[in-house]
């Protein structure tokens, strides 16, 4: 299982392949800490610097971006 961070324009959240979802956070760094804590508690793998941005208005933004 792998843990990563999903990001919208204003909120970030740690998410795992096992179905676990962390609390929505204002700061990316706090979501990364949540991801690493979950990985340590469950022996899952954190995915380093991967951040998935969930684009709410992809037509306006012109597609999804990486942070």
PDB file of N, CA and C in Angstrom:
ATOM      1  N   UNK A   1       0.831  -1.170   0.000  1.00  0.00           N
ATOM      2  CA  UNK A   1       0.000   0.000   0.000  1.00  0.00           C
ATOM      3  C   UNK A   1       0.886   1.247   0.000  1.00  0.00           C
ATOM      4  N   UNK A   2       0.390   2.286  -0.635  1.00  0.00           N
ATOM      5  CA  UNK A   2       1.159   3.518  -0.748  1.00  0.00           C
ATOM      6  C   UNK A   2       0.325   4.703  -0.267  1.00  0.00           C
ATOM      7  N   UNK A   3       0.976   5.602   0.428  1.00  0.00           N
ATOM      8  CA  UNK A   3       0.329   6.796   0.961  1.00  0.00           C
ATOM      9  C   UNK A   3       0.832   8.000   0.180  1.00  0.00           C
ATOM     10  N   UNK A   4      -0.077   8.894  -0.228  1.00  0.00           N
ATOM     11  CA  UNK A   4       0.314  10.114  -0.937  1.00  0.00           C
ATOM     12  C   UNK A   4      -0.587  11.264  -0.502  1.00  0.00           C
ATOM     13  N   UNK A   5      -0.342  12.449  -1.039  1.00  0.00           N
ATOM     14  CA  UNK A   5      -1.108  13.648  -0.673  1.00  0.00           C
ATOM     15  C   UNK A   5      -1.897  14.122  -1.888  1.00  0.00           C
ATOM     16  N   UNK A   6      -3.191  14.323  -1.698  1.00  0.00           N
ATOM     17  CA  UNK A   6      -4.043  14.928  -2.727  1.00  0.00           C
ATOM     18  C   UNK A   6      -4.212  16.401  -2.381  1.00  0.00           C
ATOM     19  N   UNK A   7      -4.256  17.242  -3.397  1.00  0.00           N
ATOM     20  CA  UNK A   7      -4.378  18.680  -3.134  1.00  0.00           C
ATOM     21  C   UNK A   7      -5.440  19.298  -4.029  1.00  0.00           C
ATOM     22  N   UNK A   8      -6.287  20.128  -3.428  1.00  0.00           N
ATOM     23  CA  UNK A   8      -7.186  20.997  -4.178  1.00  0.00           C
ATOM     24  C   UNK A   8      -6.593  22.398  -4.066  1.00  0.00           C
ATOM     25  N   UNK A   9      -7.300  23.382  -4.533  1.00  0.00           N
ATOM     26  CA  UNK A   9      -6.752  24.741  -4.484  1.00  0.00           C
ATOM     27  C   UNK A   9      -6.453  25.201  -3.068  1.00  0.00           C
ATOM     28  N   UNK A  10      -7.322  24.863  -2.122  1.00  0.00           N
ATOM     29  CA  UNK A  10      -7.161  25.374  -0.762  1.00  0.00           C
ATOM     30  C   UNK A  10      -6.861  24.301   0.278  1.00  0.00           C
ATOM     31  N   UNK A  11      -7.134  23.049   0.006  1.00  0.00           N
ATOM     32  CA  UNK A  11      -6.977  21.998   1.010  1.00  0.00           C
ATOM     33  C   UNK A  11      -6.099  20.867   0.504  1.00  0.00           C
ATOM     34  N   UNK A  12      -5.401  20.243   1.446  1.00  0.00           N
ATOM     35  CA  UNK A  12      -4.556  19.097   1.141  1.00  0.00           C
ATOM     36  C   UNK A  12      -4.979  17.965   2.065  1.00  0.00           C
ATOM     37  N   UNK A  13      -4.790  16.701   1.609  1.00  0.00           N
ATOM     38  CA  UNK A  13      -5.211  15.555   2.402  1.00  0.00           C
ATOM     39  C   UNK A  13      -4.327  14.368   2.060  1.00  0.00           C
ATOM     40  N   UNK A  14      -3.898  13.644   3.095  1.00  0.00           N
ATOM     41  CA  UNK A  14      -3.162  12.399   2.893  1.00  0.00           C
ATOM     42  C   UNK A  14      -4.161  11.293   2.576  1.00  0.00           C
ATOM     43  N   UNK A  15      -3.820  10.448   1.591  1.00  0.00           N
ATOM     44  CA  UNK A  15      -4.693   9.363   1.149  1.00  0.00           C
ATOM     45  C   UNK A  15      -3.848   8.114   0.952  1.00  0.00           C
ATOM     46  N   UNK A  16      -4.416   6.966   1.324  1.00  0.00           N
ATOM     47  CA  UNK A  16      -3.695   5.700   1.167  1.00  0.00           C
ATOM     48  C   UNK A  16      -4.482   4.767   0.255  1.00  0.00           C
ATOM     49  N   UNK A  17      -3.778   3.845  -0.387  1.00  0.00           N
ATOM     50  CA  UNK A  17      -4.422   2.856  -1.246  1.00  0.00           C
ATOM     51  C   UNK A  17      -5.339   1.920  -0.471  1.00  0.00           C
ATOM     52  N   UNK A  18      -5.142   1.805   0.850  1.00  0.00           N
ATOM     53  CA  UNK A  18      -5.973   0.915   1.669  1.00  0.00           C
ATOM     54  C   UNK A  18      -7.351   1.515   1.933  1.00  0.00           C
ATOM     55  N   UNK A  19      -7.568   2.777   1.539  1.00  0.00           N
ATOM     56  CA  UNK A  19      -8.850   3.438   1.740  1.00  0.00           C
ATOM     57  C   UNK A  19      -8.827   4.488   2.831  1.00  0.00           C
ATOM     58  N   UNK A  20      -7.737   4.563   3.584  1.00  0.00           N
ATOM     59  CA  UNK A  20      -7.613   5.565   4.647  1.00  0.00           C
ATOM     60  C   UNK A  20      -7.483   6.948   4.025  1.00  0.00           C
ATOM     61  N   UNK A  21      -8.165   7.915   4.612  1.00  0.00           N
ATOM     62  CA  UNK A  21      -8.075   9.313   4.179  1.00  0.00           C
ATOM     63  C   UNK A  21      -7.854  10.162   5.419  1.00  0.00           C
ATOM     64  N   UNK A  22      -6.824  10.978   5.385  1.00  0.00           N
ATOM     65  CA  UNK A  22      -6.528  11.850   6.506  1.00  0.00           C
ATOM     66  C   UNK A  22      -7.443  13.068   6.528  1.00  0.00           C
ATOM     67  N   UNK A  23      -7.314  13.824   7.574  1.00  0.00           N
ATOM     68  CA  UNK A  23      -8.087  15.046   7.736  1.00  0.00           C
ATOM     69  C   UNK A  23      -7.654  16.083   6.699  1.00  0.00           C
ATOM     70  N   UNK A  24      -8.597  16.876   6.186  1.00  0.00           N
ATOM     71  CA  UNK A  24      -8.235  17.935   5.236  1.00  0.00           C
ATOM     72  C   UNK A  24      -7.462  19.019   5.971  1.00  0.00           C
ATOM     73  N   UNK A  25      -6.360  19.465   5.372  1.00  0.00           N
ATOM     74  CA  UNK A  25      -5.468  20.430   6.018  1.00  0.00           C
ATOM     75  C   UNK A  25      -5.273  21.649   5.139  1.00  0.00           C
ATOM     76  N   UNK A  26      -4.973  22.778   5.771  1.00  0.00           N
ATOM     77  CA  UNK A  26      -4.648  23.993   5.027  1.00  0.00           C
ATOM     78  C   UNK A  26      -3.227  23.932   4.489  1.00  0.00           C
ATOM     79  N   UNK A  27      -2.306  23.341   5.245  1.00  0.00           N
ATOM     80  CA  UNK A  27      -0.895  23.318   4.870  1.00  0.00           C
ATOM     81  C   UNK A  27      -0.486  21.949   4.341  1.00  0.00           C
ATOM     82  N   UNK A  28       0.235  21.931   3.224  1.00  0.00           N
ATOM     83  CA  UNK A  28       0.697  20.687   2.621  1.00  0.00           C
ATOM     84  C   UNK A  28       1.599  19.915   3.575  1.00  0.00           C
ATOM     85  N   UNK A  29       2.455  20.625   4.303  1.00  0.00           N
ATOM     86  CA  UNK A  29       3.393  19.965   5.211  1.00  0.00           C
ATOM     87  C   UNK A  29       2.699  19.156   6.286  1.00  0.00           C
ATOM     88  N   UNK A  30       1.569  19.640   6.774  1.00  0.00           N
ATOM     89  CA  UNK A  30       0.821  18.910   7.797  1.00  0.00           C
ATOM     90  C   UNK A  30       0.207  17.648   7.195  1.00  0.00           C
ATOM     91  N   UNK A  31      -0.274  17.729   5.957  1.00  0.00           N
ATOM     92  CA  UNK A  31      -0.808  16.543   5.279  1.00  0.00           C
ATOM     93  C   UNK A  31       0.296  15.512   5.043  1.00  0.00           C
ATOM     94  N   UNK A  32       1.498  15.973   4.742  1.00  0.00           N
ATOM     95  CA  UNK A  32       2.631  15.062   4.553  1.00  0.00           C
ATOM     96  C   UNK A  32       2.957  14.358   5.872  1.00  0.00           C
ATOM     97  N   UNK A  33       2.905  15.086   6.978  1.00  0.00           N
ATOM     98  CA  UNK A  33       3.134  14.468   8.294  1.00  0.00           C
ATOM     99  C   UNK A  33       2.065  13.410   8.555  1.00  0.00           C
ATOM    100  N   UNK A  34       0.798  13.710   8.245  1.00  0.00           N
ATOM    101  CA  UNK A  34      -0.269  12.719   8.401  1.00  0.00           C
ATOM    102  C   UNK A  34       0.027  11.464   7.587  1.00  0.00           C
ATOM    103  N   UNK A  35       0.500  11.656   6.352  1.00  0.00           N
ATOM    104  CA  UNK A  35       0.823  10.516   5.486  1.00  0.00           C
ATOM    105  C   UNK A  35       1.940   9.669   6.086  1.00  0.00           C
ATOM    106  N   UNK A  36       2.974  10.314   6.603  1.00  0.00           N
ATOM    107  CA  UNK A  36       4.091   9.566   7.183  1.00  0.00           C
ATOM    108  C   UNK A  36       3.688   8.873   8.487  1.00  0.00           C
ATOM    109  N   UNK A  37       2.840   9.503   9.288  1.00  0.00           N
ATOM    110  CA  UNK A  37       2.356   8.850  10.505  1.00  0.00           C
ATOM    111  C   UNK A  37       1.541   7.606  10.172  1.00  0.00           C
ATOM    112  N   UNK A  38       0.658   7.707   9.176  1.00  0.00           N
ATOM    113  CA  UNK A  38      -0.132   6.544   8.767  1.00  0.00           C
ATOM    114  C   UNK A  38       0.785   5.441   8.239  1.00  0.00           C
ATOM    115  N   UNK A  39       1.773   5.829   7.445  1.00  0.00           N
ATOM    116  CA  UNK A  39       2.708   4.832   6.903  1.00  0.00           C
ATOM    117  C   UNK A  39       3.473   4.130   8.019  1.00  0.00           C
ATOM    118  N   UNK A  40       3.900   4.881   9.030  1.00  0.00           N
ATOM    119  CA  UNK A  40       4.647   4.286  10.138  1.00  0.00           C
ATOM    120  C   UNK A  40       3.776   3.355  10.976  1.00  0.00           C
ATOM    121  N   UNK A  41       2.520   3.724  11.177  1.00  0.00           N
ATOM    122  CA  UNK A  41       1.620   2.917  11.998  1.00  0.00           C
ATOM    123  C   UNK A  41       1.175   1.637  11.310  1.00  0.00           C
ATOM    124  N   UNK A  42       1.140   1.633   9.977  1.00  0.00           N
ATOM    125  CA  UNK A  42       0.575   0.501   9.237  1.00  0.00           C
ATOM    126  C   UNK A  42       1.587  -0.236   8.369  1.00  0.00           C
ATOM    127  N   UNK A  43       2.834   0.186   8.368  1.00  0.00           N
ATOM    128  CA  UNK A  43       3.891  -0.393   7.527  1.00  0.00           C
ATOM    129  C   UNK A  43       3.621  -0.196   6.036  1.00  0.00           C
ATOM    130  N   UNK A  44       2.849   0.825   5.689  1.00  0.00           N
ATOM    131  CA  UNK A  44       2.640   1.172   4.285  1.00  0.00           C
ATOM    132  C   UNK A  44       3.781   2.090   3.841  1.00  0.00           C
ATOM    133  N   UNK A  45       3.916   2.306   2.540  1.00  0.00           N
ATOM    134  CA  UNK A  45       5.020   3.102   2.004  1.00  0.00           C
ATOM    135  C   UNK A  45       4.586   4.521   1.679  1.00  0.00           C
ATOM    136  N   UNK A  46       5.275   5.522   2.225  1.00  0.00           N
ATOM    137  CA  UNK A  46       4.995   6.890   1.786  1.00  0.00           C
ATOM    138  C   UNK A  46       5.603   7.106   0.405  1.00  0.00           C
ATOM    139  N   UNK A  47       4.944   7.885  -0.439  1.00  0.00           N
ATOM    140  CA  UNK A  47       5.409   8.078  -1.812  1.00  0.00           C
ATOM    141  C   UNK A  47       6.246   9.332  -1.992  1.00  0.00           C
ATOM    142  N   UNK A  48       6.970   9.751  -1.009  1.00  0.00           N
ATOM    143  CA  UNK A  48       7.888  10.871  -1.164  1.00  0.00           C
ATOM    144  C   UNK A  48       7.195  12.156  -1.540  1.00  0.00           C
ATOM    145  N   UNK A  49       7.532  12.708  -2.691  1.00  0.00           N
ATOM    146  CA  UNK A  49       7.076  14.039  -3.074  1.00  0.00           C
ATOM    147  C   UNK A  49       5.858  14.028  -3.988  1.00  0.00           C
ATOM    148  N   UNK A  50       5.199  12.891  -4.164  1.00  0.00           N
ATOM    149  CA  UNK A  50       4.044  12.850  -5.056  1.00  0.00           C
ATOM    150  C   UNK A  50       2.886  13.627  -4.449  1.00  0.00           C
ATOM    151  N   UNK A  51       2.354  14.551  -5.223  1.00  0.00           N
ATOM    152  CA  UNK A  51       1.180  15.324  -4.814  1.00  0.00           C
ATOM    153  C   UNK A  51       0.215  15.312  -5.987  1.00  0.00           C
ATOM    154  N   UNK A  52      -1.003  14.818  -5.758  1.00  0.00           N
ATOM    155  CA  UNK A  52      -2.028  14.817  -6.797  1.00  0.00           C
ATOM    156  C   UNK A  52      -2.932  16.010  -6.579  1.00  0.00           C
ATOM    157  N   UNK A  53      -3.032  16.855  -7.582  1.00  0.00           N
ATOM    158  CA  UNK A  53      -3.939  17.996  -7.476  1.00  0.00           C
ATOM    159  C   UNK A  53      -5.263  17.615  -8.108  1.00  0.00           C
ATOM    160  N   UNK A  54      -6.313  17.756  -7.367  1.00  0.00           N
ATOM    161  CA  UNK A  54      -7.643  17.451  -7.860  1.00  0.00           C
ATOM    162  C   UNK A  54      -8.224  18.754  -8.388  1.00  0.00           C
ATOM    163  N   UNK A  55      -8.331  18.845  -9.688  1.00  0.00           N
ATOM    164  CA  UNK A  55      -8.815  20.084 -10.315  1.00  0.00           C
ATOM    165  C   UNK A  55     -10.338  20.083 -10.312  1.00  0.00           C
ATOM    166  N   UNK A  56     -10.910  21.069  -9.658  1.00  0.00           N
ATOM    167  CA  UNK A  56     -12.362  21.179  -9.627  1.00  0.00           C
ATOM    168  C   UNK A  56     -12.892  21.792 -10.922  1.00  0.00           C
ATOM    169  N   UNK A  57     -12.104  22.660 -11.536  1.00  0.00           N
ATOM    170  CA  UNK A  57     -12.509  23.325 -12.766  1.00  0.00           C
ATOM    171  C   UNK A  57     -11.408  23.124 -13.800  1.00  0.00           C
ATOM    172  N   UNK A  58     -11.281  21.899 -14.323  1.00  0.00           N
ATOM    173  CA  UNK A  58     -10.186  21.605 -15.236  1.00  0.00           C
ATOM    174  C   UNK A  58     -10.265  22.416 -16.518  1.00  0.00           C
ATOM    175  N   UNK A  59     -11.464  22.703 -17.008  1.00  0.00           N
ATOM    176  CA  UNK A  59     -11.568  23.478 -18.236  1.00  0.00           C
ATOM    177  C   UNK A  59     -11.037  24.894 -18.017  1.00  0.00           C
ATOM    178  N   UNK A  60     -11.265  25.450 -16.817  1.00  0.00           N
ATOM    179  CA  UNK A  60     -10.772  26.783 -16.508  1.00  0.00           C
ATOM    180  C   UNK A  60      -9.255  26.780 -16.314  1.00  0.00           C
ATOM    181  N   UNK A  61      -8.737  25.770 -15.658  1.00  0.00           N
ATOM    182  CA  UNK A  61      -7.311  25.693 -15.378  1.00  0.00           C
ATOM    183  C   UNK A  61      -6.506  25.191 -16.569  1.00  0.00           C
ATOM    184  N   UNK A  62      -7.168  24.508 -17.475  1.00  0.00           N
ATOM    185  CA  UNK A  62      -6.429  23.936 -18.595  1.00  0.00           C
ATOM    186  C   UNK A  62      -5.788  22.604 -18.258  1.00  0.00           C
ATOM    187  N   UNK A  63      -6.378  21.855 -17.341  1.00  0.00           N
ATOM    188  CA  UNK A  63      -5.835  20.556 -16.967  1.00  0.00           C
ATOM    189  C   UNK A  63      -5.302  20.563 -15.557  1.00  0.00           C
ATOM    190  N   UNK A  64      -4.865  19.403 -15.115  1.00  0.00           N
ATOM    191  CA  UNK A  64      -4.344  19.308 -13.745  1.00  0.00           C
ATOM    192  C   UNK A  64      -2.864  19.662 -13.729  1.00  0.00           C
ATOM    193  N   UNK A  65      -2.401  20.125 -12.581  1.00  0.00           N
ATOM    194  CA  UNK A  65      -1.003  20.511 -12.411  1.00  0.00           C
ATOM    195  C   UNK A  65      -0.409  19.721 -11.255  1.00  0.00           C
ATOM    196  N   UNK A  66       0.889  19.680 -11.215  1.00  0.00           N
ATOM    197  CA  UNK A  66       1.617  19.110 -10.079  1.00  0.00           C
ATOM    198  C   UNK A  66       2.166  20.259  -9.250  1.00  0.00           C
ATOM    199  N   UNK A  67       2.139  20.105  -7.944  1.00  0.00           N
ATOM    200  CA  UNK A  67       2.702  21.121  -7.059  1.00  0.00           C
ATOM    201  C   UNK A  67       4.165  20.852  -6.820  1.00  0.00           C
TER     202      UNK A  67
END
